[in-house]
Amino acid sequence: MAAEYRTLKVDKENGVDWVTLNRPERLNTFTATLVRELNAYLAAAAGDPDCRIVVIRGAGRAFCAGLDIKEVVSDSPDALKGSDADTLEPSLNDIVRNMRRMPQPVIAMLNGDAAGGGFGLALAADIRIASETARMNAAFIKVGLSGCEMGTSYFLPRIVGMGTAIELLYTGRFIDAHRALAVGLVSAVAKPEELEACVRGWVDDMLAATPLGLRRTKELLAKAINIDDLDAILDLEARQQGRLAHLSHRERLEAFLDRRTNA
């Protein structure tokens, strides 16, 4: 039975989990509940053999506007402060860890602002697809914190280069969708009404791969990015291809026969 969430909506569709951050009235900002529920979902999805791809998006007009500042300064039991402050950073960081460790590719569907923690969430995804109205920033620097949080200092230089990373992390300036595309921060930009269709195109391309081949590609990329040794990477690739070759070949043949039989 599907888990019950207060702040998430999960729609399962033909091997794809469409995960919606569901606090539109607060621009899908993080509360303790959202952090717990997103971590719980990601941990469970990682072990779900029927889930091949995860798409994360926001309800309403934003992807995720970071921490819910109203909750932070309130006495709400859902506030990320006080006794929760000690676990806030690990909990947010666990979202990043879970996204990077799960075998499924994760697409961030940026349907609006991705600020602060929302920017960190977007960076942890494998692919980012943006609406023309989307914009992103490392808001932490604007509230007296470091611009480096939730892996921004790890992901951003690797994605866009050190120069652009310095600019964004030192200033907290927003980067709009079109410049994000130009520097490689997002893979595509679509009109708001065409965003989901654009994402579905990427999903379809990935679903055309074998499930195991797609998962192993993500796994090896995660290892290779931190190995500065071409020979070691070539050996890793060769060993993985050897393990997959027979399985993938058999799976492709069976798929071909199934299509011919049912044609």
C-alpha atoms as a PDB file:
ATOM      1  CA  MET A   1       0.000   0.000   0.000  1.00  0.00           C
ATOM      2  CA  ALA A   2       1.270   3.482  -0.887  1.00  0.00           C
ATOM      3  CA  ALA A   3       2.505   5.562   2.029  1.00  0.00           C
ATOM      4  CA  GLU A   4       0.343   8.395   3.306  1.00  0.00           C
ATOM      5  CA  TYR A   5       2.021  11.810   3.213  1.00  0.00           C
ATOM      6  CA  ARG A   6       0.946  15.220   4.455  1.00  0.00           C
ATOM      7  CA  THR A   7       3.346  17.274   2.357  1.00  0.00           C
ATOM      8  CA  LEU A   8       4.048  15.044  -0.651  1.00  0.00           C
ATOM      9  CA  LYS A   9       1.956  13.638  -3.452  1.00  0.00           C
ATOM     10  CA  VAL A  10       3.325  10.546  -5.219  1.00  0.00           C
ATOM     11  CA  ASP A  11       1.823   9.383  -8.504  1.00  0.00           C
ATOM     12  CA  LYS A  12       3.137   6.090  -9.870  1.00  0.00           C
ATOM     13  CA  GLU A  13       2.896   5.766 -13.632  1.00  0.00           C
ATOM     14  CA  ASN A  14       4.484   3.024 -15.745  1.00  0.00           C
ATOM     15  CA  GLY A  15       7.732   2.808 -13.803  1.00  0.00           C
ATOM     16  CA  VAL A  16       7.940   6.540 -13.080  1.00  0.00           C
ATOM     17  CA  ASP A  17       7.283   8.149  -9.695  1.00  0.00           C
ATOM     18  CA  TRP A  18       5.996  11.710 -10.080  1.00  0.00           C
ATOM     19  CA  VAL A  19       6.745  13.243  -6.676  1.00  0.00           C
ATOM     20  CA  THR A  20       5.100  16.590  -5.971  1.00  0.00           C
ATOM     21  CA  LEU A  21       6.177  18.794  -3.075  1.00  0.00           C
ATOM     22  CA  ASN A  22       2.688  19.672  -1.931  1.00  0.00           C
ATOM     23  CA  ARG A  23       2.767  22.892   0.090  1.00  0.00           C
ATOM     24  CA  PRO A  24       1.791  25.378  -2.648  1.00  0.00           C
ATOM     25  CA  GLU A  25       0.487  27.943  -0.169  1.00  0.00           C
ATOM     26  CA  ARG A  26       4.033  28.207   1.248  1.00  0.00           C
ATOM     27  CA  LEU A  27       5.899  27.796  -2.072  1.00  0.00           C
ATOM     28  CA  ASN A  28       6.751  24.205  -1.075  1.00  0.00           C
ATOM     29  CA  THR A  29       9.216  25.381   1.549  1.00  0.00           C
ATOM     30  CA  PHE A  30      10.837  22.876   3.873  1.00  0.00           C
ATOM     31  CA  THR A  31       9.334  22.120   7.265  1.00  0.00           C
ATOM     32  CA  ALA A  32      10.328  19.294   9.584  1.00  0.00           C
ATOM     33  CA  THR A  33       7.452  17.232   8.185  1.00  0.00           C
ATOM     34  CA  LEU A  34       8.433  17.771   4.560  1.00  0.00           C
ATOM     35  CA  VAL A  35      12.055  16.896   5.312  1.00  0.00           C
ATOM     36  CA  ARG A  36      11.029  13.686   7.101  1.00  0.00           C
ATOM     37  CA  GLU A  37       8.534  12.667   4.441  1.00  0.00           C
ATOM     38  CA  LEU A  38      10.857  13.324   1.513  1.00  0.00           C
ATOM     39  CA  ASN A  39      13.618  11.328   3.185  1.00  0.00           C
ATOM     40  CA  ALA A  40      11.183   8.487   3.907  1.00  0.00           C
ATOM     41  CA  TYR A  41       9.948   8.450   0.310  1.00  0.00           C
ATOM     42  CA  LEU A  42      13.472   8.461  -1.185  1.00  0.00           C
ATOM     43  CA  ALA A  43      14.671   5.667   1.088  1.00  0.00           C
ATOM     44  CA  ALA A  44      11.653   3.529   0.204  1.00  0.00           C
ATOM     45  CA  ALA A  45      11.816   4.260  -3.535  1.00  0.00           C
ATOM     46  CA  ALA A  46      15.458   3.177  -3.695  1.00  0.00           C
ATOM     47  CA  GLY A  47      14.382  -0.369  -2.910  1.00  0.00           C
ATOM     48  CA  ASP A  48      11.325  -0.385  -5.177  1.00  0.00           C
ATOM     49  CA  PRO A  49      12.047  -2.562  -8.244  1.00  0.00           C
ATOM     50  CA  ASP A  50       9.018  -1.126 -10.050  1.00  0.00           C
ATOM     51  CA  CYS A  51      10.332   2.434  -9.822  1.00  0.00           C
ATOM     52  CA  ARG A  52      12.711   3.196 -12.687  1.00  0.00           C
ATOM     53  CA  ILE A  53      12.767   7.016 -12.708  1.00  0.00           C
ATOM     54  CA  VAL A  54      11.832   9.691 -10.167  1.00  0.00           C
ATOM     55  CA  VAL A  55      10.559  13.139 -11.163  1.00  0.00           C
ATOM     56  CA  ILE A  56      10.417  15.773  -8.410  1.00  0.00           C
ATOM     57  CA  ARG A  57       8.299  18.880  -8.938  1.00  0.00           C
ATOM     58  CA  GLY A  58       6.479  21.514  -6.901  1.00  0.00           C
ATOM     59  CA  ALA A  59       2.766  22.173  -6.593  1.00  0.00           C
ATOM     60  CA  GLY A  60       1.630  25.631  -7.621  1.00  0.00           C
ATOM     61  CA  ARG A  61       3.994  28.345  -8.793  1.00  0.00           C
ATOM     62  CA  ALA A  62       7.286  27.268  -7.203  1.00  0.00           C
ATOM     63  CA  PHE A  63       9.552  24.245  -7.136  1.00  0.00           C
ATOM     64  CA  CYS A  64      10.828  24.857  -3.590  1.00  0.00           C
ATOM     65  CA  ALA A  65      11.653  28.207  -1.984  1.00  0.00           C
ATOM     66  CA  GLY A  66      13.968  26.774   0.676  1.00  0.00           C
ATOM     67  CA  LEU A  67      13.218  26.810   4.394  1.00  0.00           C
ATOM     68  CA  ASP A  68       9.849  27.960   5.640  1.00  0.00           C
ATOM     69  CA  ILE A  69      11.090  31.056   7.460  1.00  0.00           C
ATOM     70  CA  LYS A  70       7.676  31.638   9.025  1.00  0.00           C
ATOM     71  CA  GLU A  71       7.906  28.229  10.679  1.00  0.00           C
ATOM     72  CA  VAL A  72      11.536  28.759  11.682  1.00  0.00           C
ATOM     73  CA  VAL A  73      10.679  31.858  13.731  1.00  0.00           C
ATOM     74  CA  SER A  74       7.381  30.504  15.081  1.00  0.00           C
ATOM     75  CA  ASP A  75       6.519  28.203  17.936  1.00  0.00           C
ATOM     76  CA  SER A  76       4.986  25.646  15.595  1.00  0.00           C
ATOM     77  CA  PRO A  77       5.786  22.013  16.429  1.00  0.00           C
ATOM     78  CA  ASP A  78       6.703  21.613  12.770  1.00  0.00           C
ATOM     79  CA  ALA A  79       9.308  24.381  12.927  1.00  0.00           C
ATOM     80  CA  LEU A  80      12.878  23.571  11.980  1.00  0.00           C
ATOM     81  CA  LYS A  81      14.434  25.199  15.022  1.00  0.00           C
ATOM     82  CA  GLY A  82      15.265  24.653  18.662  1.00  0.00           C
ATOM     83  CA  SER A  83      15.671  20.948  19.308  1.00  0.00           C
ATOM     84  CA  ASP A  84      15.154  20.343  15.595  1.00  0.00           C
ATOM     85  CA  ALA A  85      18.050  22.639  14.707  1.00  0.00           C
ATOM     86  CA  ASP A  86      20.565  19.970  15.665  1.00  0.00           C
ATOM     87  CA  THR A  87      19.012  17.575  13.171  1.00  0.00           C
ATOM     88  CA  LEU A  88      18.040  20.081  10.497  1.00  0.00           C
ATOM     89  CA  GLU A  89      21.291  19.993   8.579  1.00  0.00           C
ATOM     90  CA  PRO A  90      21.722  16.214   8.678  1.00  0.00           C
ATOM     91  CA  SER A  91      18.085  15.757   7.669  1.00  0.00           C
ATOM     92  CA  LEU A  92      18.395  18.105   4.704  1.00  0.00           C
ATOM     93  CA  ASN A  93      21.735  16.553   3.843  1.00  0.00           C
ATOM     94  CA  ASP A  94      20.162  13.108   4.013  1.00  0.00           C
ATOM     95  CA  ILE A  95      17.816  14.168   1.213  1.00  0.00           C
ATOM     96  CA  VAL A  96      20.882  14.826  -0.929  1.00  0.00           C
ATOM     97  CA  ARG A  97      22.521  11.557   0.136  1.00  0.00           C
ATOM     98  CA  ASN A  98      19.388   9.570  -0.601  1.00  0.00           C
ATOM     99  CA  MET A  99      18.981  11.143  -4.036  1.00  0.00           C
ATOM    100  CA  ARG A 100      22.578  10.439  -5.022  1.00  0.00           C
ATOM    101  CA  ARG A 101      22.657   6.906  -3.580  1.00  0.00           C
ATOM    102  CA  MET A 102      19.334   5.700  -4.971  1.00  0.00           C
ATOM    103  CA  PRO A 103      19.791   3.694  -8.183  1.00  0.00           C
ATOM    104  CA  GLN A 104      17.040   5.504 -10.084  1.00  0.00           C
ATOM    105  CA  PRO A 105      17.798   8.651 -12.076  1.00  0.00           C
ATOM    106  CA  VAL A 106      16.122  11.726 -10.566  1.00  0.00           C
ATOM    107  CA  ILE A 107      14.759  14.574 -12.686  1.00  0.00           C
ATOM    108  CA  ALA A 108      14.067  17.951 -11.092  1.00  0.00           C
ATOM    109  CA  MET A 109      11.135  19.573 -12.911  1.00  0.00           C
ATOM    110  CA  LEU A 110      11.723  23.248 -12.141  1.00  0.00           C
ATOM    111  CA  ASN A 111       8.304  24.809 -12.476  1.00  0.00           C
ATOM    112  CA  GLY A 112       9.230  27.978 -10.576  1.00  0.00           C
ATOM    113  CA  ASP A 113      11.687  29.294  -7.993  1.00  0.00           C
ATOM    114  CA  ALA A 114      14.293  26.900  -6.591  1.00  0.00           C
ATOM    115  CA  ALA A 115      15.859  28.947  -3.812  1.00  0.00           C
ATOM    116  CA  GLY A 116      18.153  28.036  -0.934  1.00  0.00           C
ATOM    117  CA  GLY A 117      17.331  24.477   0.047  1.00  0.00           C
ATOM    118  CA  GLY A 118      15.260  24.180  -3.110  1.00  0.00           C
ATOM    119  CA  PHE A 119      18.391  24.990  -5.119  1.00  0.00           C
ATOM    120  CA  GLY A 120      20.256  22.280  -3.216  1.00  0.00           C
ATOM    121  CA  LEU A 121      17.446  19.852  -3.991  1.00  0.00           C
ATOM    122  CA  ALA A 122      17.605  20.700  -7.698  1.00  0.00           C
ATOM    123  CA  LEU A 123      21.390  20.329  -7.814  1.00  0.00           C
ATOM    124  CA  ALA A 124      21.193  16.860  -6.254  1.00  0.00           C
ATOM    125  CA  ALA A 125      19.034  15.639  -9.144  1.00  0.00           C
ATOM    126  CA  ASP A 126      20.621  13.939 -12.136  1.00  0.00           C
ATOM    127  CA  ILE A 127      18.822  16.144 -14.663  1.00  0.00           C
ATOM    128  CA  ARG A 128      17.162  19.538 -14.343  1.00  0.00           C
ATOM    129  CA  ILE A 129      14.450  20.657 -16.773  1.00  0.00           C
ATOM    130  CA  ALA A 130      13.188  24.215 -16.318  1.00  0.00           C
ATOM    131  CA  SER A 131      10.176  26.302 -17.157  1.00  0.00           C
ATOM    132  CA  GLU A 132      10.960  29.624 -18.819  1.00  0.00           C
ATOM    133  CA  THR A 133       9.812  31.275 -15.594  1.00  0.00           C
ATOM    134  CA  ALA A 134      12.118  29.243 -13.341  1.00  0.00           C
ATOM    135  CA  ARG A 135      14.997  30.827 -11.466  1.00  0.00           C
ATOM    136  CA  MET A 136      17.477  29.563  -8.882  1.00  0.00           C
ATOM    137  CA  ASN A 137      19.702  30.982  -6.179  1.00  0.00           C
ATOM    138  CA  ALA A 138      21.859  30.023  -3.210  1.00  0.00           C
ATOM    139  CA  ALA A 139      19.871  32.074  -0.735  1.00  0.00           C
ATOM    140  CA  PHE A 140      21.848  30.962   2.320  1.00  0.00           C
ATOM    141  CA  ILE A 141      24.418  33.741   1.877  1.00  0.00           C
ATOM    142  CA  LYS A 142      21.650  36.364   2.155  1.00  0.00           C
ATOM    143  CA  VAL A 143      20.600  35.274   5.657  1.00  0.00           C
ATOM    144  CA  GLY A 144      24.011  35.306   7.327  1.00  0.00           C
ATOM    145  CA  LEU A 145      25.003  31.750   6.423  1.00  0.00           C
ATOM    146  CA  SER A 146      27.558  30.327   4.027  1.00  0.00           C
ATOM    147  CA  GLY A 147      26.501  29.953   0.424  1.00  0.00           C
ATOM    148  CA  CYS A 148      27.711  26.361   0.678  1.00  0.00           C
ATOM    149  CA  GLU A 149      25.045  24.017   1.981  1.00  0.00           C
ATOM    150  CA  MET A 150      23.275  20.809   0.929  1.00  0.00           C
ATOM    151  CA  GLY A 151      26.155  19.981  -1.401  1.00  0.00           C
ATOM    152  CA  THR A 152      26.163  23.235  -3.371  1.00  0.00           C
ATOM    153  CA  SER A 153      29.956  23.517  -3.095  1.00  0.00           C
ATOM    154  CA  TYR A 154      30.266  19.973  -4.487  1.00  0.00           C
ATOM    155  CA  PHE A 155      27.689  19.983  -7.266  1.00  0.00           C
ATOM    156  CA  LEU A 156      27.737  23.527  -8.603  1.00  0.00           C
ATOM    157  CA  PRO A 157      31.428  23.776  -9.671  1.00  0.00           C
ATOM    158  CA  ARG A 158      31.164  20.348 -11.284  1.00  0.00           C
ATOM    159  CA  ILE A 159      28.073  21.350 -13.239  1.00  0.00           C
ATOM    160  CA  VAL A 160      28.804  24.944 -14.289  1.00  0.00           C
ATOM    161  CA  GLY A 161      32.504  25.491 -13.518  1.00  0.00           C
ATOM    162  CA  MET A 162      34.197  27.362 -10.708  1.00  0.00           C
ATOM    163  CA  GLY A 163      33.689  30.879 -12.069  1.00  0.00           C
ATOM    164  CA  THR A 164      29.915  30.715 -12.268  1.00  0.00           C
ATOM    165  CA  ALA A 165      29.756  28.762  -9.013  1.00  0.00           C
ATOM    166  CA  ILE A 166      31.699  31.512  -7.226  1.00  0.00           C
ATOM    167  CA  GLU A 167      29.395  34.169  -8.623  1.00  0.00           C
ATOM    168  CA  LEU A 168      26.233  32.403  -7.486  1.00  0.00           C
ATOM    169  CA  LEU A 169      27.497  31.223  -4.087  1.00  0.00           C
ATOM    170  CA  TYR A 170      29.183  34.512  -3.103  1.00  0.00           C
ATOM    171  CA  THR A 171      26.280  36.768  -4.056  1.00  0.00           C
ATOM    172  CA  GLY A 172      23.074  34.762  -3.782  1.00  0.00           C
ATOM    173  CA  ARG A 173      22.016  36.245  -7.099  1.00  0.00           C
ATOM    174  CA  PHE A 174      19.255  34.505  -9.022  1.00  0.00           C
ATOM    175  CA  ILE A 175      20.093  32.768 -12.279  1.00  0.00           C
ATOM    176  CA  ASP A 176      17.216  32.615 -14.747  1.00  0.00           C
ATOM    177  CA  ALA A 177      16.261  29.641 -16.879  1.00  0.00           C
ATOM    178  CA  HIS A 178      17.863  30.808 -20.114  1.00  0.00           C
ATOM    179  CA  ARG A 179      21.225  31.608 -18.573  1.00  0.00           C
ATOM    180  CA  ALA A 180      21.012  28.341 -16.624  1.00  0.00           C
ATOM    181  CA  LEU A 181      20.642  26.542 -19.947  1.00  0.00           C
ATOM    182  CA  ALA A 182      23.587  28.438 -21.425  1.00  0.00           C
ATOM    183  CA  VAL A 183      25.931  27.417 -18.587  1.00  0.00           C
ATOM    184  CA  GLY A 184      24.698  23.811 -18.436  1.00  0.00           C
ATOM    185  CA  LEU A 185      22.853  24.096 -15.141  1.00  0.00           C
ATOM    186  CA  VAL A 186      19.661  22.827 -16.775  1.00  0.00           C
ATOM    187  CA  SER A 187      19.332  20.484 -19.746  1.00  0.00           C
ATOM    188  CA  ALA A 188      16.274  22.058 -21.364  1.00  0.00           C
ATOM    189  CA  VAL A 189      13.921  25.004 -21.009  1.00  0.00           C
ATOM    190  CA  ALA A 190      10.244  24.856 -21.950  1.00  0.00           C
ATOM    191  CA  LYS A 191       7.229  27.116 -21.885  1.00  0.00           C
ATOM    192  CA  PRO A 192       5.303  26.628 -18.613  1.00  0.00           C
ATOM    193  CA  GLU A 193       2.416  24.891 -20.359  1.00  0.00           C
ATOM    194  CA  GLU A 194       4.842  22.569 -22.187  1.00  0.00           C
ATOM    195  CA  LEU A 195       7.116  21.719 -19.256  1.00  0.00           C
ATOM    196  CA  GLU A 196       5.547  18.389 -18.346  1.00  0.00           C
ATOM    197  CA  ALA A 197       5.547  17.250 -21.975  1.00  0.00           C
ATOM    198  CA  CYS A 198       9.231  18.178 -22.217  1.00  0.00           C
ATOM    199  CA  VAL A 199      10.034  16.170 -19.084  1.00  0.00           C
ATOM    200  CA  ARG A 200       8.054  13.218 -20.418  1.00  0.00           C
ATOM    201  CA  GLY A 201      10.243  13.232 -23.514  1.00  0.00           C
ATOM    202  CA  TRP A 202      13.343  12.804 -21.363  1.00  0.00           C
ATOM    203  CA  VAL A 203      11.582  10.134 -19.321  1.00  0.00           C
ATOM    204  CA  ASP A 204      10.653   8.205 -22.471  1.00  0.00           C
ATOM    205  CA  ASP A 205      14.244   8.262 -23.702  1.00  0.00           C
ATOM    206  CA  MET A 206      15.477   6.828 -20.409  1.00  0.00           C
ATOM    207  CA  LEU A 207      12.721   4.226 -20.244  1.00  0.00           C
ATOM    208  CA  ALA A 208      13.963   2.967 -23.609  1.00  0.00           C
ATOM    209  CA  ALA A 209      17.129   1.775 -21.852  1.00  0.00           C
ATOM    210  CA  THR A 210      17.160  -1.446 -19.875  1.00  0.00           C
ATOM    211  CA  PRO A 211      16.404  -0.867 -16.176  1.00  0.00           C
ATOM    212  CA  LEU A 212      19.704  -2.382 -15.068  1.00  0.00           C
ATOM    213  CA  GLY A 213      21.733  -0.550 -17.683  1.00  0.00           C
ATOM    214  CA  LEU A 214      20.291   2.788 -16.575  1.00  0.00           C
ATOM    215  CA  ARG A 215      20.921   2.092 -12.904  1.00  0.00           C
ATOM    216  CA  ARG A 216      24.491   0.949 -13.509  1.00  0.00           C
ATOM    217  CA  THR A 217      25.198   4.045 -15.597  1.00  0.00           C
ATOM    218  CA  LYS A 218      24.227   6.291 -12.684  1.00  0.00           C
ATOM    219  CA  GLU A 219      26.293   4.156 -10.303  1.00  0.00           C
ATOM    220  CA  LEU A 220      29.444   4.289 -12.430  1.00  0.00           C
ATOM    221  CA  LEU A 221      29.167   8.010 -13.133  1.00  0.00           C
ATOM    222  CA  ALA A 222      29.030   8.641  -9.387  1.00  0.00           C
ATOM    223  CA  LYS A 223      32.270   6.702  -8.941  1.00  0.00           C
ATOM    224  CA  ALA A 224      34.060   8.042 -12.006  1.00  0.00           C
ATOM    225  CA  ILE A 225      33.586  11.725 -11.189  1.00  0.00           C
ATOM    226  CA  ASN A 226      35.826  11.330  -8.149  1.00  0.00           C
ATOM    227  CA  ILE A 227      38.519   9.184  -9.788  1.00  0.00           C
ATOM    228  CA  ASP A 228      41.337  11.062 -11.475  1.00  0.00           C
ATOM    229  CA  ASP A 229      42.747   7.997 -13.214  1.00  0.00           C
ATOM    230  CA  LEU A 230      41.666   7.118 -16.747  1.00  0.00           C
ATOM    231  CA  ASP A 231      42.984   3.554 -16.564  1.00  0.00           C
ATOM    232  CA  ALA A 232      41.007   2.896 -13.376  1.00  0.00           C
ATOM    233  CA  ILE A 233      37.843   4.259 -14.980  1.00  0.00           C
ATOM    234  CA  LEU A 234      38.368   2.210 -18.138  1.00  0.00           C
ATOM    235  CA  ASP A 235      38.738  -0.917 -15.994  1.00  0.00           C
ATOM    236  CA  LEU A 236      35.550  -0.099 -14.077  1.00  0.00           C
ATOM    237  CA  GLU A 237      33.650   0.439 -17.312  1.00  0.00           C
ATOM    238  CA  ALA A 238      34.949  -2.765 -18.858  1.00  0.00           C
ATOM    239  CA  ARG A 239      34.040  -4.872 -15.821  1.00  0.00           C
ATOM    240  CA  GLN A 240      30.558  -3.390 -15.682  1.00  0.00           C
ATOM    241  CA  GLN A 241      29.953  -3.849 -19.400  1.00  0.00           C
ATOM    242  CA  GLY A 242      31.067  -7.458 -19.124  1.00  0.00           C
ATOM    243  CA  ARG A 243      28.551  -8.109 -16.344  1.00  0.00           C
ATOM    244  CA  LEU A 244      25.731  -6.402 -18.216  1.00  0.00           C
ATOM    245  CA  ALA A 245      26.407  -7.607 -21.734  1.00  0.00           C
ATOM    246  CA  HIS A 246      24.786 -11.034 -21.448  1.00  0.00           C
ATOM    247  CA  LEU A 247      21.815  -9.808 -19.406  1.00  0.00           C
ATOM    248  CA  SER A 248      21.141  -6.790 -21.602  1.00  0.00           C
ATOM    249  CA  HIS A 249      21.506  -8.790 -24.803  1.00  0.00           C
ATOM    250  CA  ARG A 250      19.068 -11.433 -23.571  1.00  0.00           C
ATOM    251  CA  GLU A 251      16.610  -8.786 -22.364  1.00  0.00           C
ATOM    252  CA  ARG A 252      16.703  -6.971 -25.696  1.00  0.00           C
ATOM    253  CA  LEU A 253      16.113 -10.209 -27.597  1.00  0.00           C
ATOM    254  CA  GLU A 254      13.167 -11.103 -25.391  1.00  0.00           C
ATOM    255  CA  ALA A 255      11.686  -7.632 -25.868  1.00  0.00           C
ATOM    256  CA  PHE A 256      12.083  -7.951 -29.643  1.00  0.00           C
ATOM    257  CA  LEU A 257      10.397 -11.365 -29.656  1.00  0.00           C
ATOM    258  CA  ASP A 258       7.589 -10.056 -27.463  1.00  0.00           C
ATOM    259  CA  ARG A 259       6.947  -7.150 -29.836  1.00  0.00           C
ATOM    260  CA  ARG A 260       6.964  -9.463 -32.873  1.00  0.00           C
ATOM    261  CA  THR A 261       4.616 -11.960 -31.197  1.00  0.00           C
ATOM    262  CA  ASN A 262       2.137  -9.256 -30.219  1.00  0.00           C
ATOM    263  CA  ALA A 263       2.348  -7.254 -33.433  1.00  0.00           C
END
